[in-house]
C-alpha atoms as a PDB file:
ATOM      1  CA  UNK A   1       2.318  -6.180  -9.633  1.00  0.00           C
ATOM      2  CA  UNK A   2       4.177  -5.587 -12.609  1.00  0.00           C
ATOM      3  CA  UNK A   3       3.653  -7.769 -15.984  1.00  0.00           C
ATOM      4  CA  UNK A   4       7.918  -9.050 -15.182  1.00  0.00           C
ATOM      5  CA  UNK A   5       8.209 -12.518 -13.714  1.00  0.00           C
ATOM      6  CA  UNK A   6       7.198 -12.362  -9.942  1.00  0.00           C
ATOM      7  CA  UNK A   7       9.843 -14.358  -7.825  1.00  0.00           C
ATOM      8  CA  UNK A   8       8.814 -15.832  -4.402  1.00  0.00           C
ATOM      9  CA  UNK A   9       9.914 -17.776  -2.028  1.00  0.00           C
ATOM     10  CA  UNK A  10       8.029 -20.390  -0.273  1.00  0.00           C
ATOM     11  CA  UNK A  11       8.947 -22.017   3.368  1.00  0.00           C
ATOM     12  CA  UNK A  12       7.384 -25.329   4.094  1.00  0.00           C
ATOM     13  CA  UNK A  13       6.704 -26.465   0.387  1.00  0.00           C
ATOM     14  CA  UNK A  14       6.639 -30.283   0.062  1.00  0.00           C
ATOM     15  CA  UNK A  15       3.450 -30.903   1.130  1.00  0.00           C
ATOM     16  CA  UNK A  16       0.198 -29.869   2.126  1.00  0.00           C
ATOM     17  CA  UNK A  17      -0.625 -26.057   1.831  1.00  0.00           C
ATOM     18  CA  UNK A  18       3.026 -25.058   1.058  1.00  0.00           C
ATOM     19  CA  UNK A  19       3.063 -27.557  -2.003  1.00  0.00           C
ATOM     20  CA  UNK A  20      -0.460 -26.323  -2.896  1.00  0.00           C
ATOM     21  CA  UNK A  21       0.847 -22.601  -3.084  1.00  0.00           C
ATOM     22  CA  UNK A  22       3.680 -24.061  -5.501  1.00  0.00           C
ATOM     23  CA  UNK A  23       1.047 -25.092  -7.669  1.00  0.00           C
ATOM     24  CA  UNK A  24      -1.127 -22.610  -7.469  1.00  0.00           C
ATOM     25  CA  UNK A  25       1.542 -19.798  -8.426  1.00  0.00           C
ATOM     26  CA  UNK A  26       2.154 -22.077 -11.310  1.00  0.00           C
ATOM     27  CA  UNK A  27      -0.256 -20.872 -13.770  1.00  0.00           C
ATOM     28  CA  UNK A  28       0.848 -17.247 -13.195  1.00  0.00           C
ATOM     29  CA  UNK A  29       3.810 -14.813 -14.403  1.00  0.00           C
ATOM     30  CA  UNK A  30       5.863 -16.139 -11.278  1.00  0.00           C
ATOM     31  CA  UNK A  31       8.868 -18.309 -10.861  1.00  0.00           C
ATOM     32  CA  UNK A  32       8.951 -19.786  -7.506  1.00  0.00           C
ATOM     33  CA  UNK A  33      11.093 -22.140  -5.219  1.00  0.00           C
ATOM     34  CA  UNK A  34      10.514 -23.608  -2.201  1.00  0.00           C
ATOM     35  CA  UNK A  35      11.978 -25.008   1.125  1.00  0.00           C
ATOM     36  CA  UNK A  36      11.613 -28.062   2.749  1.00  0.00           C
ATOM     37  CA  UNK A  37      13.855 -30.166   5.392  1.00  0.00           C
ATOM     38  CA  UNK A  38      14.903 -32.751   2.599  1.00  0.00           C
ATOM     39  CA  UNK A  39      14.390 -30.561  -0.449  1.00  0.00           C
ATOM     40  CA  UNK A  40      13.259 -32.051  -3.393  1.00  0.00           C
ATOM     41  CA  UNK A  41      12.603 -30.325  -6.997  1.00  0.00           C
ATOM     42  CA  UNK A  42      12.272 -26.950  -6.887  1.00  0.00           C
ATOM     43  CA  UNK A  43      12.559 -27.309  -3.247  1.00  0.00           C
ATOM     44  CA  UNK A  44      16.123 -26.193  -1.355  1.00  0.00           C
ATOM     45  CA  UNK A  45      16.748 -28.412   1.789  1.00  0.00           C
ATOM     46  CA  UNK A  46      16.939 -26.187   4.636  1.00  0.00           C
ATOM     47  CA  UNK A  47      16.520 -27.631   8.529  1.00  0.00           C
ATOM     48  CA  UNK A  48      15.240 -24.748  10.233  1.00  0.00           C
ATOM     49  CA  UNK A  49      16.525 -26.251  13.424  1.00  0.00           C
ATOM     50  CA  UNK A  50      19.756 -25.417  12.802  1.00  0.00           C
ATOM     51  CA  UNK A  51      22.161 -22.493  13.381  1.00  0.00           C
ATOM     52  CA  UNK A  52      22.009 -20.172  10.205  1.00  0.00           C
ATOM     53  CA  UNK A  53      19.268 -22.137   8.334  1.00  0.00           C
ATOM     54  CA  UNK A  54      17.283 -18.849   7.243  1.00  0.00           C
ATOM     55  CA  UNK A  55      20.340 -16.763   6.278  1.00  0.00           C
ATOM     56  CA  UNK A  56      21.450 -19.867   3.819  1.00  0.00           C
ATOM     57  CA  UNK A  57      18.228 -20.288   2.878  1.00  0.00           C
ATOM     58  CA  UNK A  58      17.624 -16.666   1.673  1.00  0.00           C
ATOM     59  CA  UNK A  59      21.289 -16.753  -0.143  1.00  0.00           C
ATOM     60  CA  UNK A  60      20.339 -20.023  -1.939  1.00  0.00           C
ATOM     61  CA  UNK A  61      17.071 -18.994  -2.940  1.00  0.00           C
ATOM     62  CA  UNK A  62      18.657 -15.368  -4.143  1.00  0.00           C
ATOM     63  CA  UNK A  63      21.031 -17.740  -6.060  1.00  0.00           C
ATOM     64  CA  UNK A  64      18.039 -19.595  -8.079  1.00  0.00           C
ATOM     65  CA  UNK A  65      16.017 -16.467  -8.421  1.00  0.00           C
ATOM     66  CA  UNK A  66      18.773 -14.093  -9.979  1.00  0.00           C
ATOM     67  CA  UNK A  67      19.534 -12.082  -7.285  1.00  0.00           C
ATOM     68  CA  UNK A  68      15.865 -10.708  -6.570  1.00  0.00           C
ATOM     69  CA  UNK A  69      12.980 -12.162  -4.531  1.00  0.00           C
ATOM     70  CA  UNK A  70       9.580 -10.230  -4.458  1.00  0.00           C
ATOM     71  CA  UNK A  71       7.567 -12.176  -1.999  1.00  0.00           C
ATOM     72  CA  UNK A  72       8.339 -14.222   0.707  1.00  0.00           C
ATOM     73  CA  UNK A  73       5.622 -16.678   2.064  1.00  0.00           C
ATOM     74  CA  UNK A  74       6.351 -18.140   5.564  1.00  0.00           C
ATOM     75  CA  UNK A  75       4.439 -21.293   5.698  1.00  0.00           C
ATOM     76  CA  UNK A  76       6.600 -23.800   7.299  1.00  0.00           C
ATOM     77  CA  UNK A  77       5.127 -24.842  10.546  1.00  0.00           C
ATOM     78  CA  UNK A  78       5.600 -27.438  13.118  1.00  0.00           C
ATOM     79  CA  UNK A  79       2.500 -28.630  15.497  1.00  0.00           C
ATOM     80  CA  UNK A  80       3.263 -31.592  17.523  1.00  0.00           C
ATOM     81  CA  UNK A  81       1.774 -32.119  21.463  1.00  0.00           C
ATOM     82  CA  UNK A  82       3.663 -31.005  24.154  1.00  0.00           C
ATOM     83  CA  UNK A  83       1.787 -31.843  27.297  1.00  0.00           C
ATOM     84  CA  UNK A  84       2.585 -29.686  30.206  1.00  0.00           C
ATOM     85  CA  UNK A  85       4.053 -32.604  32.557  1.00  0.00           C
ATOM     86  CA  UNK A  86       6.628 -33.782  29.758  1.00  0.00           C
ATOM     87  CA  UNK A  87      10.039 -33.945  30.841  1.00  0.00           C
ATOM     88  CA  UNK A  88      11.444 -31.999  27.674  1.00  0.00           C
ATOM     89  CA  UNK A  89       8.427 -29.726  27.618  1.00  0.00           C
ATOM     90  CA  UNK A  90      11.165 -26.432  27.557  1.00  0.00           C
ATOM     91  CA  UNK A  91      12.983 -28.120  24.593  1.00  0.00           C
ATOM     92  CA  UNK A  92       9.341 -28.917  22.396  1.00  0.00           C
ATOM     93  CA  UNK A  93       8.496 -25.343  23.033  1.00  0.00           C
ATOM     94  CA  UNK A  94      12.011 -23.564  21.762  1.00  0.00           C
ATOM     95  CA  UNK A  95      11.834 -26.037  18.814  1.00  0.00           C
ATOM     96  CA  UNK A  96       8.367 -24.924  17.995  1.00  0.00           C
ATOM     97  CA  UNK A  97       9.198 -21.408  18.475  1.00  0.00           C
ATOM     98  CA  UNK A  98      12.108 -21.592  16.258  1.00  0.00           C
ATOM     99  CA  UNK A  99      10.278 -23.291  13.503  1.00  0.00           C
ATOM    100  CA  UNK A 100       7.121 -21.581  13.390  1.00  0.00           C
ATOM    101  CA  UNK A 101       8.227 -17.865  14.294  1.00  0.00           C
ATOM    102  CA  UNK A 102      12.312 -17.132  14.961  1.00  0.00           C
ATOM    103  CA  UNK A 103      12.753 -18.462  11.447  1.00  0.00           C
ATOM    104  CA  UNK A 104       9.724 -17.082   9.961  1.00  0.00           C
ATOM    105  CA  UNK A 105      10.945 -13.877  11.700  1.00  0.00           C
ATOM    106  CA  UNK A 106      14.623 -14.184  10.374  1.00  0.00           C
ATOM    107  CA  UNK A 107      13.378 -14.397   6.949  1.00  0.00           C
ATOM    108  CA  UNK A 108      11.110 -11.251   6.860  1.00  0.00           C
ATOM    109  CA  UNK A 109      13.945  -9.269   8.297  1.00  0.00           C
ATOM    110  CA  UNK A 110      15.945 -10.308   5.227  1.00  0.00           C
ATOM    111  CA  UNK A 111      13.118  -9.955   2.967  1.00  0.00           C
ATOM    112  CA  UNK A 112      12.750  -6.469   4.470  1.00  0.00           C
ATOM    113  CA  UNK A 113      16.203  -5.679   3.991  1.00  0.00           C
ATOM    114  CA  UNK A 114      16.143  -6.635   0.574  1.00  0.00           C
ATOM    115  CA  UNK A 115      13.320  -4.627  -0.281  1.00  0.00           C
ATOM    116  CA  UNK A 116      14.915  -1.557   1.188  1.00  0.00           C
ATOM    117  CA  UNK A 117      18.173  -2.151  -0.356  1.00  0.00           C
ATOM    118  CA  UNK A 118      16.704  -2.645  -4.237  1.00  0.00           C
ATOM    119  CA  UNK A 119      14.410   0.540  -3.381  1.00  0.00           C
ATOM    120  CA  UNK A 120      11.648  -1.804  -4.883  1.00  0.00           C
ATOM    121  CA  UNK A 121       7.895  -3.470  -3.621  1.00  0.00           C
ATOM    122  CA  UNK A 122       7.886  -6.207  -2.057  1.00  0.00           C
ATOM    123  CA  UNK A 123       5.585  -8.646  -0.369  1.00  0.00           C
ATOM    124  CA  UNK A 124       5.394 -11.018   2.712  1.00  0.00           C
ATOM    125  CA  UNK A 125       2.805 -13.526   3.566  1.00  0.00           C
ATOM    126  CA  UNK A 126       2.421 -15.487   6.576  1.00  0.00           C
ATOM    127  CA  UNK A 127       0.572 -18.327   7.423  1.00  0.00           C
ATOM    128  CA  UNK A 128      -0.546 -18.130  10.995  1.00  0.00           C
ATOM    129  CA  UNK A 129      -3.531 -20.126  12.513  1.00  0.00           C
ATOM    130  CA  UNK A 130      -7.211 -19.851  14.169  1.00  0.00           C
ATOM    131  CA  UNK A 131      -4.826 -20.555  17.213  1.00  0.00           C
ATOM    132  CA  UNK A 132      -3.325 -17.339  16.946  1.00  0.00           C
ATOM    133  CA  UNK A 133      -6.747 -15.623  18.657  1.00  0.00           C
ATOM    134  CA  UNK A 134      -8.970 -18.377  19.376  1.00  0.00           C
ATOM    135  CA  UNK A 135      -6.054 -20.860  21.608  1.00  0.00           C
ATOM    136  CA  UNK A 136      -5.444 -24.644  21.279  1.00  0.00           C
ATOM    137  CA  UNK A 137      -5.981 -27.654  23.077  1.00  0.00           C
ATOM    138  CA  UNK A 138      -3.643 -28.265  26.552  1.00  0.00           C
ATOM    139  CA  UNK A 139      -0.991 -29.893  24.670  1.00  0.00           C
ATOM    140  CA  UNK A 140      -0.520 -26.991  22.236  1.00  0.00           C
ATOM    141  CA  UNK A 141       0.302 -23.850  24.254  1.00  0.00           C
ATOM    142  CA  UNK A 142       3.877 -23.397  22.116  1.00  0.00           C
ATOM    143  CA  UNK A 143       2.410 -23.665  18.691  1.00  0.00           C
ATOM    144  CA  UNK A 144      -0.845 -21.158  19.510  1.00  0.00           C
ATOM    145  CA  UNK A 145       1.714 -18.657  21.169  1.00  0.00           C
ATOM    146  CA  UNK A 146       4.097 -19.052  18.017  1.00  0.00           C
ATOM    147  CA  UNK A 147       1.281 -18.426  15.574  1.00  0.00           C
ATOM    148  CA  UNK A 148      -0.019 -14.933  18.064  1.00  0.00           C
ATOM    149  CA  UNK A 149       3.519 -14.167  17.704  1.00  0.00           C
ATOM    150  CA  UNK A 150       3.266 -14.185  13.915  1.00  0.00           C
ATOM    151  CA  UNK A 151       0.607 -12.483  13.626  1.00  0.00           C
ATOM    152  CA  UNK A 152       1.724  -9.512  15.924  1.00  0.00           C
ATOM    153  CA  UNK A 153       4.704  -9.289  13.738  1.00  0.00           C
ATOM    154  CA  UNK A 154       3.070  -9.469  10.416  1.00  0.00           C
ATOM    155  CA  UNK A 155       0.963  -6.765  11.743  1.00  0.00           C
ATOM    156  CA  UNK A 156       3.922  -4.511  12.912  1.00  0.00           C
ATOM    157  CA  UNK A 157       5.751  -5.182   9.647  1.00  0.00           C
ATOM    158  CA  UNK A 158       2.965  -3.664   7.633  1.00  0.00           C
ATOM    159  CA  UNK A 159       2.622  -0.574   9.830  1.00  0.00           C
ATOM    160  CA  UNK A 160       5.906  -0.202   9.608  1.00  0.00           C
ATOM    161  CA  UNK A 161       7.074  -0.088   5.944  1.00  0.00           C
ATOM    162  CA  UNK A 162       3.691   0.612   4.184  1.00  0.00           C
ATOM    163  CA  UNK A 163       5.539   3.831   3.001  1.00  0.00           C
ATOM    164  CA  UNK A 164       8.191   1.831   1.533  1.00  0.00           C
ATOM    165  CA  UNK A 165       5.353   0.011  -0.314  1.00  0.00           C
ATOM    166  CA  UNK A 166       6.820  -3.092   1.895  1.00  0.00           C
ATOM    167  CA  UNK A 167       3.434  -5.135   2.101  1.00  0.00           C
ATOM    168  CA  UNK A 168       2.651  -8.037   5.075  1.00  0.00           C
ATOM    169  CA  UNK A 169      -0.600 -10.041   5.174  1.00  0.00           C
ATOM    170  CA  UNK A 170      -1.531 -13.013   7.720  1.00  0.00           C
ATOM    171  CA  UNK A 171      -3.596 -15.746   6.711  1.00  0.00           C
ATOM    172  CA  UNK A 172      -5.450 -17.786   9.807  1.00  0.00           C
ATOM    173  CA  UNK A 173      -6.281 -21.693   8.556  1.00  0.00           C
ATOM    174  CA  UNK A 174      -8.797 -23.647  10.807  1.00  0.00           C
ATOM    175  CA  UNK A 175      -7.773 -26.968  10.422  1.00  0.00           C
ATOM    176  CA  UNK A 176      -6.710 -27.701   6.900  1.00  0.00           C
ATOM    177  CA  UNK A 177      -6.670 -31.312   5.304  1.00  0.00           C
ATOM    178  CA  UNK A 178      -3.108 -31.827   5.767  1.00  0.00           C
ATOM    179  CA  UNK A 179      -1.219 -34.822   7.245  1.00  0.00           C
ATOM    180  CA  UNK A 180      -0.790 -32.519  10.311  1.00  0.00           C
ATOM    181  CA  UNK A 181      -4.655 -32.135  10.988  1.00  0.00           C
ATOM    182  CA  UNK A 182      -5.233 -35.590  10.021  1.00  0.00           C
ATOM    183  CA  UNK A 183      -3.248 -37.288  12.681  1.00  0.00           C
ATOM    184  CA  UNK A 184      -4.838 -34.902  14.766  1.00  0.00           C
ATOM    185  CA  UNK A 185      -7.981 -35.075  13.868  1.00  0.00           C
ATOM    186  CA  UNK A 186      -8.313 -39.017  14.058  1.00  0.00           C
ATOM    187  CA  UNK A 187      -6.099 -38.637  17.606  1.00  0.00           C
ATOM    188  CA  UNK A 188      -8.638 -36.213  18.737  1.00  0.00           C
ATOM    189  CA  UNK A 189     -11.941 -37.794  17.400  1.00  0.00           C
ATOM    190  CA  UNK A 190     -12.740 -36.167  14.136  1.00  0.00           C
ATOM    191  CA  UNK A 191     -16.423 -36.189  14.258  1.00  0.00           C
ATOM    192  CA  UNK A 192     -16.836 -33.884  17.830  1.00  0.00           C
ATOM    193  CA  UNK A 193     -14.047 -31.510  16.159  1.00  0.00           C
ATOM    194  CA  UNK A 194     -15.912 -31.335  12.912  1.00  0.00           C
ATOM    195  CA  UNK A 195     -19.161 -30.515  15.065  1.00  0.00           C
ATOM    196  CA  UNK A 196     -17.520 -27.401  16.379  1.00  0.00           C
ATOM    197  CA  UNK A 197     -17.041 -26.360  12.651  1.00  0.00           C
ATOM    198  CA  UNK A 198     -20.475 -24.621  11.408  1.00  0.00           C
ATOM    199  CA  UNK A 199     -19.341 -25.631   7.536  1.00  0.00           C
ATOM    200  CA  UNK A 200     -19.248 -28.780   8.311  1.00  0.00           C
ATOM    201  CA  UNK A 201     -15.591 -29.684   7.251  1.00  0.00           C
ATOM    202  CA  UNK A 202     -12.041 -28.527   7.538  1.00  0.00           C
ATOM    203  CA  UNK A 203     -10.365 -26.432   4.711  1.00  0.00           C
ATOM    204  CA  UNK A 204      -8.965 -27.767   1.952  1.00  0.00           C
ATOM    205  CA  UNK A 205      -5.059 -26.753   0.990  1.00  0.00           C
ATOM    206  CA  UNK A 206      -6.163 -25.072  -2.044  1.00  0.00           C
ATOM    207  CA  UNK A 207      -8.387 -23.170  -0.093  1.00  0.00           C
ATOM    208  CA  UNK A 208      -5.412 -21.586   1.423  1.00  0.00           C
ATOM    209  CA  UNK A 209      -3.490 -21.788  -1.182  1.00  0.00           C
ATOM    210  CA  UNK A 210      -6.069 -19.594  -3.168  1.00  0.00           C
ATOM    211  CA  UNK A 211      -5.674 -17.023  -0.212  1.00  0.00           C
ATOM    212  CA  UNK A 212      -2.110 -16.861  -0.310  1.00  0.00           C
ATOM    213  CA  UNK A 213      -1.719 -16.139  -4.116  1.00  0.00           C
ATOM    214  CA  UNK A 214      -4.020 -13.187  -4.085  1.00  0.00           C
ATOM    215  CA  UNK A 215      -2.013 -11.544  -1.081  1.00  0.00           C
ATOM    216  CA  UNK A 216       1.005 -12.571  -2.952  1.00  0.00           C
ATOM    217  CA  UNK A 217      -0.031 -11.325  -6.330  1.00  0.00           C
ATOM    218  CA  UNK A 218      -3.293  -9.153  -6.535  1.00  0.00           C
ATOM    219  CA  UNK A 219      -4.559  -7.818  -3.050  1.00  0.00           C
ATOM    220  CA  UNK A 220      -4.435  -4.034  -3.040  1.00  0.00           C
ATOM    221  CA  UNK A 221      -1.785  -2.067  -1.050  1.00  0.00           C
ATOM    222  CA  UNK A 222      -4.522  -0.786   1.384  1.00  0.00           C
ATOM    223  CA  UNK A 223      -5.212  -4.151   2.439  1.00  0.00           C
ATOM    224  CA  UNK A 224      -1.660  -4.265   3.764  1.00  0.00           C
ATOM    225  CA  UNK A 225      -1.920  -5.485   7.624  1.00  0.00           C
ATOM    226  CA  UNK A 226      -4.968  -7.578   7.043  1.00  0.00           C
ATOM    227  CA  UNK A 227      -5.469 -10.862   8.798  1.00  0.00           C
ATOM    228  CA  UNK A 228      -7.584 -13.333   7.245  1.00  0.00           C
ATOM    229  CA  UNK A 229      -9.235 -15.848   8.142  1.00  0.00           C
ATOM    230  CA  UNK A 230     -10.228 -19.556   6.913  1.00  0.00           C
ATOM    231  CA  UNK A 231     -11.949 -21.675   9.446  1.00  0.00           C
ATOM    232  CA  UNK A 232     -15.269 -22.644   8.611  1.00  0.00           C
ATOM    233  CA  UNK A 233     -16.846 -20.161  10.825  1.00  0.00           C
ATOM    234  CA  UNK A 234     -15.590 -21.946  13.626  1.00  0.00           C
ATOM    235  CA  UNK A 235     -14.116 -18.613  15.407  1.00  0.00           C
ATOM    236  CA  UNK A 236     -15.435 -15.639  13.773  1.00  0.00           C
ATOM    237  CA  UNK A 237     -13.747 -12.427  15.161  1.00  0.00           C
END
């Protein structure tokens, strides 16, 4: 990309992968703002369960970034069990879809329109999951479906707008050592799950962040539409 400061918006940036992404970009010629539910240092407070959250976040990010966003990184996600017999199954399904897919889609749409209006190149990096291909446990239909939708959306954006130099990439981590995954590993018996990962360990947030940074700044244009796996060979496509 050009030598001028790259303006980047990262969602789900208060911890885990999102925080690691911001830290990885700090060493580059980039100006980054993030999103979290509660806000904080360089973080815009935005609750993705609320109507209008995506557009409100986008507008505030534009204000903080002098009216220009060059890269959108969708990392925000919800990973909570939803047993098939639960009375609030549909409510839980809709909440996960809203946070993991619908808000990401809204932000992708706003990014594409912004790139088109400026008639400048732009990049979208979507953090999906191994579950998009492999599926997930019986309590996580909603999570797998949301991440499968994110991958399909990424491919569609890449195919639709490559001629305008609007590029899109998806990253599909397996278990990554964040608070969300740690709780799940503990609840399911970590040793048994780790035995299914030939590498013998889960990914570190910094590993996923390095991939996101590459897609955001350095990946060649011909790579648009790529889906990158990072799961320790626990699922090889």
